[in-house]
Amino acid sequence: MADAAIHGRRNGDIECLRALAVIGVAFHHMQDNLFNPGLPALYQLRHYLNFWYGVDLFFAISGFVIARSLLPQMAGARDNRAKFTVIAAFWIRRCWRLLPSAWLWLGLILLLVVGFNRSGTFGGWHANLMSTLAGLFDVANFRFADAFFRYDYGTSFVYWSLSLEEQFYLLLPLLVLCLRKRIGLLMVAVFIVQLCLLRTIWLKSVRTDALALGVLLAIAATKPRYASLNPRMLLRLGWLRVALPCALLVLLGVLASGALDPWRFRISAIALVSAALVWLASYDEDYLLPNGVIKQLLVWIGARSYAIYLIHVPAYFVLFEINFRLGHVMSPWQLALLAPPLIAVTADLNYRYVEQPLRRRGRLIAENFERRRENLPPDGSRQATSS
């Protein structure tokens, strides 16, 4: 079993899942954003197969990867002072990893609203200013719930899920500090409570089913029995082993479809299927896809999935605005062909020149912080240090 989160090595199967999640979300958002008005064929497809489940798949991945790294560090800390050091270093790394790119694209969206919005596709200035503030303060999920079908949210509506994840990153270490080994019981309770509740739009904006299941998987992965559950028999099937993850992905699409919209348990069901995919990927033994060109491409996309998630809606609006200024000379299918390379190039630039340098910077700051804290006396007082 690969402990990539602990040993610093990327898990290729997890990266593939990230890629599949962001591709699904980007495809889902094409309708009514790149194609406005939407295409009738896509409306019909959504009744049988939909792709917004990618957000919940992201949640399951995040819950697993973050907890797989954080929980052993918290458990290994010798006292509360050391635990607080681990928590602070974790927050430093998360801030430098997520916030620079998020804030950069919030600012760029505002510039596009002012200077490249003749068609009005980016929405109004006030709506985008309010959505920017919600994104900056990590409350976009609450504003999104309030705005749902009531008023224009703004271009940065995808930030609702980022806000929810960042709230999770803030609370999880504190909950682990307070509950210690009982954190697993809380995660079980979080899932069961949401399973039983009728999901209003407000409850959907704080849905943590998949995050909780990801944490439970990370806890299970520390147990000896987890290795014995490794489904190595799948490797004997060759390419046929992709049938299982493909079936799970199709099931996610069906659960997210319009046909099952009235079923009250479908979000929890999506969380369970997402967790099953993360379980397969956690072993990092090519259960999702044999190594080859397709997997390498998915790993490349997965590594840039955060940037793709931030960029894809503004990219759609830019293409729509260009087509508007040209007199709608491009068909929807031409726009659909242009969108992926535009998103890929922009996301790669963001990954290379924003995400990676600042991620390394955050890691260095966190390591220096941990070293300074280790050199302090046990009570951490300034007086003791100066003496």
Protein backbone atom coordinates (compact mmCIF):
# COMPACT_ATOMS: atom_id res chain seq x y z
CA MET A 1 0.00 0.00 0.00
CA ALA A 2 1.37 3.38 -1.00
CA ASP A 3 1.60 6.04 1.71
CA ALA A 4 2.18 8.84 -0.78
CA ALA A 5 0.86 11.54 1.50
CA ILE A 6 3.42 10.64 4.17
CA HIS A 7 6.45 9.88 2.02
CA GLY A 8 5.98 12.85 -0.33
CA ARG A 9 5.42 10.75 -3.46
CA ARG A 10 2.42 11.43 -5.65
CA ASN A 11 -0.15 8.67 -5.90
CA GLY A 12 -0.80 8.20 -9.62
CA ASP A 13 -4.25 6.68 -9.15
CA ILE A 14 -5.34 9.56 -6.89
CA GLU A 15 -4.14 11.99 -9.57
CA CYS A 16 -6.23 10.10 -12.13
CA LEU A 17 -9.27 10.46 -9.88
CA ARG A 18 -8.62 14.20 -9.57
CA ALA A 19 -8.45 14.41 -13.35
CA LEU A 20 -11.73 12.52 -13.81
CA ALA A 21 -13.39 14.72 -11.17
CA VAL A 22 -12.33 18.00 -12.77
CA ILE A 23 -13.15 16.80 -16.30
CA GLY A 24 -16.65 15.90 -15.11
CA VAL A 25 -17.18 19.29 -13.45
CA ALA A 26 -15.80 21.19 -16.44
CA PHE A 27 -18.08 19.27 -18.81
CA HIS A 28 -21.06 19.91 -16.53
CA HIS A 29 -20.38 23.66 -16.53
CA MET A 30 -20.15 23.92 -20.31
CA GLN A 31 -23.93 24.00 -20.47
CA ASP A 32 -25.27 27.55 -19.93
CA ASN A 33 -21.75 28.99 -19.61
CA LEU A 34 -19.86 28.15 -22.79
CA PHE A 35 -23.14 27.31 -24.55
CA ASN A 36 -25.65 30.00 -23.70
CA PRO A 37 -28.42 29.14 -24.34
CA GLY A 38 -27.60 25.54 -23.56
CA LEU A 39 -27.71 22.71 -26.06
CA PRO A 40 -30.92 20.59 -26.05
CA ALA A 41 -28.86 17.39 -26.42
CA LEU A 42 -26.97 18.13 -23.21
CA TYR A 43 -30.21 18.84 -21.35
CA GLN A 44 -31.45 15.41 -22.45
CA LEU A 45 -28.17 13.78 -21.40
CA ARG A 46 -28.43 15.32 -17.92
CA HIS A 47 -31.68 13.49 -17.35
CA TYR A 48 -29.87 10.15 -17.60
CA LEU A 49 -26.23 11.02 -16.80
CA ASN A 50 -24.79 14.09 -15.06
CA PHE A 51 -21.30 15.04 -13.97
CA TRP A 52 -21.55 17.44 -11.02
CA TYR A 53 -20.56 14.48 -8.84
CA GLY A 54 -16.97 15.53 -9.53
CA VAL A 55 -17.17 17.96 -6.60
CA ASP A 56 -18.07 15.15 -4.18
CA LEU A 57 -15.31 13.00 -5.63
CA PHE A 58 -12.91 15.88 -4.91
CA PHE A 59 -14.21 16.00 -1.33
CA ALA A 60 -13.56 12.28 -0.80
CA ILE A 61 -10.04 12.65 -2.21
CA SER A 62 -9.31 15.68 -0.02
CA GLY A 63 -10.62 13.99 3.12
CA PHE A 64 -8.39 10.98 2.51
CA VAL A 65 -5.21 12.76 1.41
CA ILE A 66 -5.30 15.45 4.08
CA ALA A 67 -6.16 13.10 6.95
CA ARG A 68 -3.63 10.49 5.74
CA SER A 69 -0.92 13.10 6.23
CA LEU A 70 -2.25 15.08 9.19
CA LEU A 71 -3.50 12.34 11.55
CA PRO A 72 -0.16 10.47 11.89
CA GLN A 73 1.62 13.79 12.51
CA MET A 74 -0.89 14.70 15.21
CA ALA A 75 -0.62 11.23 16.76
CA GLY A 76 3.18 11.45 16.77
CA ALA A 77 3.29 14.83 18.53
CA ARG A 78 4.53 14.33 22.09
CA ASP A 79 2.41 17.01 23.82
CA ASN A 80 -0.16 19.75 23.15
CA ARG A 81 2.55 22.27 22.30
CA ALA A 82 3.88 19.97 19.61
CA LYS A 83 0.34 19.34 18.36
CA PHE A 84 -0.27 23.08 18.00
CA THR A 85 2.98 23.32 16.04
CA VAL A 86 1.76 20.59 13.68
CA ILE A 87 -1.58 22.39 13.25
CA ALA A 88 -0.01 25.78 12.58
CA ALA A 89 2.44 24.29 10.06
CA PHE A 90 -0.45 22.49 8.37
CA TRP A 91 -2.40 25.76 8.05
CA ILE A 92 0.66 27.55 6.67
CA ARG A 93 1.13 24.91 3.96
CA ARG A 94 -2.58 24.95 3.06
CA CYS A 95 -2.67 28.74 2.80
CA TRP A 96 0.34 28.92 0.51
CA ARG A 97 -0.98 26.00 -1.52
CA LEU A 98 -4.52 27.27 -2.12
CA LEU A 99 -4.92 30.97 -1.54
CA PRO A 100 -2.47 32.56 -4.04
CA SER A 101 -4.11 30.93 -7.09
CA ALA A 102 -7.61 31.45 -5.69
CA TRP A 103 -7.01 35.15 -5.04
CA LEU A 104 -5.23 35.62 -8.37
CA TRP A 105 -8.25 34.36 -10.33
CA LEU A 106 -10.69 36.32 -8.21
CA GLY A 107 -8.75 39.44 -9.18
CA LEU A 108 -8.52 38.49 -12.85
CA ILE A 109 -12.27 37.84 -12.97
CA LEU A 110 -12.94 41.35 -11.66
CA LEU A 111 -10.66 42.75 -14.38
CA LEU A 112 -12.57 40.79 -17.02
CA VAL A 113 -15.89 42.03 -15.63
CA VAL A 114 -14.71 45.63 -16.09
CA GLY A 115 -12.72 45.38 -19.33
CA PHE A 116 -14.00 42.41 -21.33
CA ASN A 117 -17.71 42.11 -20.75
CA ARG A 118 -19.55 43.67 -23.66
CA SER A 119 -21.91 40.68 -23.87
CA GLY A 120 -22.58 40.79 -20.12
CA THR A 121 -21.63 37.13 -19.80
CA PHE A 122 -19.44 37.77 -16.75
CA GLY A 123 -22.37 39.31 -14.89
CA GLY A 124 -22.62 42.64 -13.13
CA TRP A 125 -19.94 44.47 -11.17
CA HIS A 126 -21.78 44.37 -7.83
CA ALA A 127 -22.52 40.63 -8.00
CA ASN A 128 -18.90 39.84 -8.83
CA LEU A 129 -17.56 42.14 -6.14
CA MET A 130 -19.74 40.42 -3.55
CA SER A 131 -18.72 36.97 -4.82
CA THR A 132 -15.06 38.01 -4.67
CA LEU A 133 -15.44 39.06 -1.04
CA ALA A 134 -17.21 35.77 -0.27
CA GLY A 135 -14.32 33.88 -1.89
CA LEU A 136 -11.69 35.91 -0.03
CA PHE A 137 -13.30 35.21 3.35
CA ASP A 138 -14.13 31.56 2.56
CA VAL A 139 -17.88 31.93 2.93
CA ALA A 140 -18.73 31.46 -0.75
CA ASN A 141 -20.73 28.31 0.01
CA PHE A 142 -23.12 30.29 2.21
CA ARG A 143 -23.52 33.05 -0.37
CA PHE A 144 -24.03 30.44 -3.10
CA ALA A 145 -26.86 28.84 -1.12
CA ASP A 146 -28.45 32.23 -0.55
CA ALA A 147 -28.12 33.19 -4.23
CA PHE A 148 -29.38 29.88 -5.66
CA PHE A 149 -32.08 30.72 -8.25
CA ARG A 150 -32.66 34.07 -6.48
CA TYR A 151 -30.01 36.43 -7.81
CA ASP A 152 -26.81 36.50 -9.86
CA TYR A 153 -23.93 35.03 -7.89
CA GLY A 154 -21.14 36.14 -10.22
CA THR A 155 -18.51 34.35 -12.27
CA SER A 156 -16.65 32.80 -9.31
CA PHE A 157 -19.51 30.52 -8.25
CA VAL A 158 -17.21 27.46 -8.19
CA TYR A 159 -15.56 28.93 -5.10
CA TRP A 160 -18.39 27.57 -2.98
CA SER A 161 -16.68 24.17 -2.83
CA LEU A 162 -13.27 25.73 -2.16
CA SER A 163 -14.74 27.59 0.80
CA LEU A 164 -16.22 24.37 2.16
CA GLU A 165 -12.88 22.58 1.82
CA GLU A 166 -11.01 25.43 3.51
CA GLN A 167 -13.52 25.38 6.38
CA PHE A 168 -12.75 21.66 6.64
CA TYR A 169 -8.99 22.36 6.71
CA LEU A 170 -9.53 24.88 9.49
CA LEU A 171 -11.72 22.64 11.67
CA LEU A 172 -10.29 19.15 11.18
CA PRO A 173 -7.01 19.68 13.11
CA LEU A 174 -8.88 21.33 15.99
CA LEU A 175 -11.37 18.45 16.12
CA VAL A 176 -8.50 15.94 16.12
CA LEU A 177 -6.86 17.89 18.95
CA CYS A 178 -10.04 17.77 21.05
CA LEU A 179 -11.32 14.29 20.18
CA ARG A 180 -8.06 12.42 19.55
CA LYS A 181 -8.87 8.80 18.63
CA ARG A 182 -12.61 9.51 18.75
CA ILE A 183 -12.39 11.56 15.54
CA GLY A 184 -13.53 8.47 13.63
CA LEU A 185 -16.75 8.32 15.63
CA LEU A 186 -17.45 11.95 14.77
CA MET A 187 -16.93 11.24 11.07
CA VAL A 188 -19.37 8.33 11.25
CA ALA A 189 -21.90 10.60 12.98
CA VAL A 190 -21.37 13.32 10.33
CA PHE A 191 -22.21 10.85 7.58
CA ILE A 192 -25.23 9.29 9.33
CA VAL A 193 -26.77 12.64 10.28
CA GLN A 194 -26.58 13.90 6.70
CA LEU A 195 -27.91 10.60 5.41
CA CYS A 196 -31.04 11.09 7.54
CA LEU A 197 -31.61 14.78 6.82
CA LEU A 198 -33.68 16.14 3.96
CA ARG A 199 -31.15 18.10 1.89
CA THR A 200 -32.17 21.71 1.47
CA ILE A 201 -29.93 23.96 -0.61
CA TRP A 202 -28.38 25.26 2.62
CA LEU A 203 -27.52 21.75 3.76
CA LYS A 204 -26.12 20.95 0.33
CA SER A 205 -23.76 23.91 0.66
CA VAL A 206 -22.19 22.35 3.76
CA ARG A 207 -22.31 18.73 2.66
CA THR A 208 -19.42 16.90 4.20
CA ASP A 209 -20.44 13.28 3.57
CA ALA A 210 -17.58 12.55 1.20
CA LEU A 211 -15.05 14.50 3.30
CA ALA A 212 -16.01 12.43 6.35
CA LEU A 213 -15.73 9.15 4.42
CA GLY A 214 -12.32 10.22 3.12
CA VAL A 215 -11.14 10.80 6.69
CA LEU A 216 -12.50 7.39 7.73
CA LEU A 217 -10.57 5.78 4.86
CA ALA A 218 -7.41 7.52 6.04
CA ILE A 219 -7.95 6.20 9.56
CA ALA A 220 -8.56 2.70 8.21
CA ALA A 221 -5.39 2.92 6.09
CA THR A 222 -3.29 3.06 9.27
CA LYS A 223 -4.56 -0.36 10.36
CA PRO A 224 -2.78 -3.62 9.39
CA ARG A 225 -6.01 -5.10 8.02
CA TYR A 226 -6.22 -2.37 5.34
CA ALA A 227 -3.31 -3.93 3.48
CA SER A 228 -5.04 -7.31 3.54
CA LEU A 229 -8.03 -5.75 1.75
CA ASN A 230 -5.85 -4.83 -1.23
CA PRO A 231 -7.74 -6.21 -4.30
CA ARG A 232 -4.64 -7.54 -6.07
CA MET A 233 -6.72 -10.04 -8.01
CA LEU A 234 -7.74 -7.13 -10.26
CA LEU A 235 -4.22 -7.02 -11.67
CA ARG A 236 -4.75 -10.45 -13.22
CA LEU A 237 -7.50 -9.03 -15.42
CA GLY A 238 -5.22 -6.75 -17.42
CA TRP A 239 -7.16 -4.01 -19.16
CA LEU A 240 -10.43 -5.59 -18.02
CA ARG A 241 -9.79 -4.27 -14.51
CA VAL A 242 -10.90 -0.83 -15.69
CA ALA A 243 -14.45 -2.25 -15.81
CA LEU A 244 -14.87 -1.79 -12.04
CA PRO A 245 -13.86 1.90 -11.82
CA CYS A 246 -15.74 2.61 -15.05
CA ALA A 247 -18.88 1.02 -13.59
CA LEU A 248 -18.47 3.12 -10.43
CA LEU A 249 -18.07 6.30 -12.51
CA VAL A 250 -21.17 5.48 -14.56
CA LEU A 251 -23.03 4.85 -11.31
CA LEU A 252 -21.96 8.29 -10.07
CA GLY A 253 -23.28 9.83 -13.29
CA VAL A 254 -26.62 8.05 -12.90
CA LEU A 255 -26.91 9.09 -9.25
CA ALA A 256 -26.29 12.71 -10.26
CA SER A 257 -28.82 12.60 -13.11
CA GLY A 258 -32.10 14.45 -13.26
CA ALA A 259 -34.01 11.18 -13.15
CA LEU A 260 -32.86 10.58 -9.56
CA ASP A 261 -33.20 14.19 -8.46
CA PRO A 262 -36.15 13.44 -6.10
CA TRP A 263 -34.27 10.62 -4.30
CA ARG A 264 -33.28 12.06 -0.93
CA PHE A 265 -30.35 9.68 -0.34
CA ARG A 266 -28.49 10.30 -3.57
CA ILE A 267 -25.83 12.72 -2.23
CA SER A 268 -24.87 10.24 0.47
CA ALA A 269 -24.87 7.49 -2.16
CA ILE A 270 -22.56 9.61 -4.35
CA ALA A 271 -20.28 10.06 -1.34
CA LEU A 272 -20.15 6.28 -0.77
CA VAL A 273 -19.33 5.51 -4.42
CA SER A 274 -16.70 8.27 -4.43
CA ALA A 275 -15.13 6.75 -1.31
CA ALA A 276 -15.07 3.35 -3.05
CA LEU A 277 -13.07 4.88 -5.90
CA VAL A 278 -10.69 6.55 -3.44
CA TRP A 279 -10.27 3.19 -1.69
CA LEU A 280 -9.22 1.59 -4.98
CA ALA A 281 -6.88 4.47 -5.75
CA SER A 282 -5.35 4.53 -2.25
CA TYR A 283 -3.23 1.43 -2.96
CA ASP A 284 -1.60 3.13 -5.99
CA GLU A 285 -1.28 -0.15 -7.90
CA ASP A 286 -2.86 0.90 -11.21
CA TYR A 287 -6.29 -0.45 -10.35
CA LEU A 288 -7.99 2.48 -12.09
CA LEU A 289 -5.97 2.33 -15.28
CA PRO A 290 -2.86 0.45 -16.46
CA ASN A 291 0.22 2.60 -16.85
CA GLY A 292 0.47 4.12 -20.32
CA VAL A 293 -0.16 7.24 -22.35
CA ILE A 294 -3.77 7.68 -21.19
CA LYS A 295 -2.83 7.36 -17.54
CA GLN A 296 0.10 9.75 -17.96
CA LEU A 297 -2.27 12.28 -19.51
CA LEU A 298 -4.72 11.89 -16.63
CA VAL A 299 -1.92 12.27 -14.08
CA TRP A 300 -0.86 15.48 -15.86
CA ILE A 301 -4.44 16.79 -15.70
CA GLY A 302 -4.80 15.67 -12.09
CA ALA A 303 -1.72 17.59 -11.01
CA ARG A 304 -3.28 20.73 -12.55
CA SER A 305 -6.83 19.97 -11.44
CA TYR A 306 -6.91 22.82 -8.90
CA ALA A 307 -5.95 25.37 -11.55
CA ILE A 308 -8.38 23.83 -14.05
CA TYR A 309 -11.17 24.08 -11.50
CA LEU A 310 -10.46 27.78 -10.91
CA ILE A 311 -9.98 28.63 -14.58
CA HIS A 312 -12.55 26.69 -16.58
CA VAL A 313 -15.58 28.97 -16.05
CA PRO A 314 -13.69 32.24 -16.79
CA ALA A 315 -12.24 30.49 -19.86
CA TYR A 316 -15.75 29.62 -21.06
CA PHE A 317 -16.88 33.21 -20.59
CA VAL A 318 -13.82 34.55 -22.44
CA LEU A 319 -14.60 32.32 -25.42
CA PHE A 320 -18.26 33.31 -25.30
CA GLU A 321 -17.29 37.00 -25.23
CA ILE A 322 -14.89 36.56 -28.18
CA ASN A 323 -17.59 34.76 -30.15
CA PHE A 324 -20.07 37.52 -29.28
CA ARG A 325 -17.69 40.22 -30.56
CA LEU A 326 -17.10 38.26 -33.75
CA GLY A 327 -20.83 38.03 -34.39
CA HIS A 328 -21.30 34.41 -33.20
CA VAL A 329 -19.30 32.99 -36.09
CA MET A 330 -18.26 29.90 -34.08
CA SER A 331 -20.63 27.00 -33.56
CA PRO A 332 -21.03 25.35 -30.13
CA TRP A 333 -18.89 22.45 -31.27
CA GLN A 334 -16.09 24.79 -32.35
CA LEU A 335 -16.26 26.48 -28.95
CA ALA A 336 -16.13 23.05 -27.31
CA LEU A 337 -12.96 22.22 -29.26
CA LEU A 338 -11.29 25.52 -28.36
CA ALA A 339 -12.10 25.41 -24.65
CA PRO A 340 -9.92 22.43 -23.53
CA PRO A 341 -6.61 23.70 -25.00
CA LEU A 342 -7.26 27.20 -23.64
CA ILE A 343 -7.95 25.80 -20.17
CA ALA A 344 -4.99 23.39 -20.36
CA VAL A 345 -2.44 26.04 -21.39
CA THR A 346 -3.67 28.56 -18.82
CA ALA A 347 -3.80 25.96 -16.05
CA ASP A 348 -0.28 24.76 -16.88
CA LEU A 349 1.06 28.32 -16.65
CA ASN A 350 -0.71 28.78 -13.32
CA TYR A 351 0.66 25.43 -12.09
CA ARG A 352 4.25 26.17 -13.12
CA TYR A 353 4.56 29.84 -12.17
CA VAL A 354 2.07 30.32 -9.34
CA GLU A 355 1.12 27.05 -7.64
CA GLN A 356 4.43 25.21 -7.54
CA PRO A 357 6.77 28.08 -6.54
CA LEU A 358 4.42 29.30 -3.81
CA ARG A 359 3.69 25.78 -2.64
CA ARG A 360 7.44 25.24 -2.17
CA ARG A 361 7.64 28.60 -0.42
CA GLY A 362 4.85 27.62 1.97
CA ARG A 363 6.49 24.28 2.70
CA LEU A 364 9.76 26.06 3.52
CA ILE A 365 8.01 28.57 5.80
CA ALA A 366 6.21 25.73 7.60
CA GLU A 367 9.44 23.78 8.07
CA ASN A 368 11.26 26.85 9.42
CA PHE A 369 8.35 27.51 11.77
CA GLU A 370 8.50 23.94 13.07
CA ARG A 371 12.27 24.17 13.60
CA ARG A 372 11.95 27.45 15.51
CA ARG A 373 9.24 25.99 17.69
CA GLU A 374 11.36 22.94 18.47
CA ASN A 375 14.17 25.20 19.69
CA LEU A 376 11.89 26.95 22.21
CA PRO A 377 11.78 25.82 25.84
CA PRO A 378 8.81 23.62 26.81
CA ASP A 379 6.62 26.52 27.96
CA GLY A 380 7.36 28.55 24.83
CA SER A 381 7.67 31.79 26.81
CA ARG A 382 9.60 34.80 25.52
CA GLN A 383 11.13 35.32 28.94
CA ALA A 384 12.58 31.83 29.00
CA THR A 385 13.96 32.31 25.49
CA SER A 386 15.66 35.59 26.35
CA SER A 387 17.17 34.13 29.54
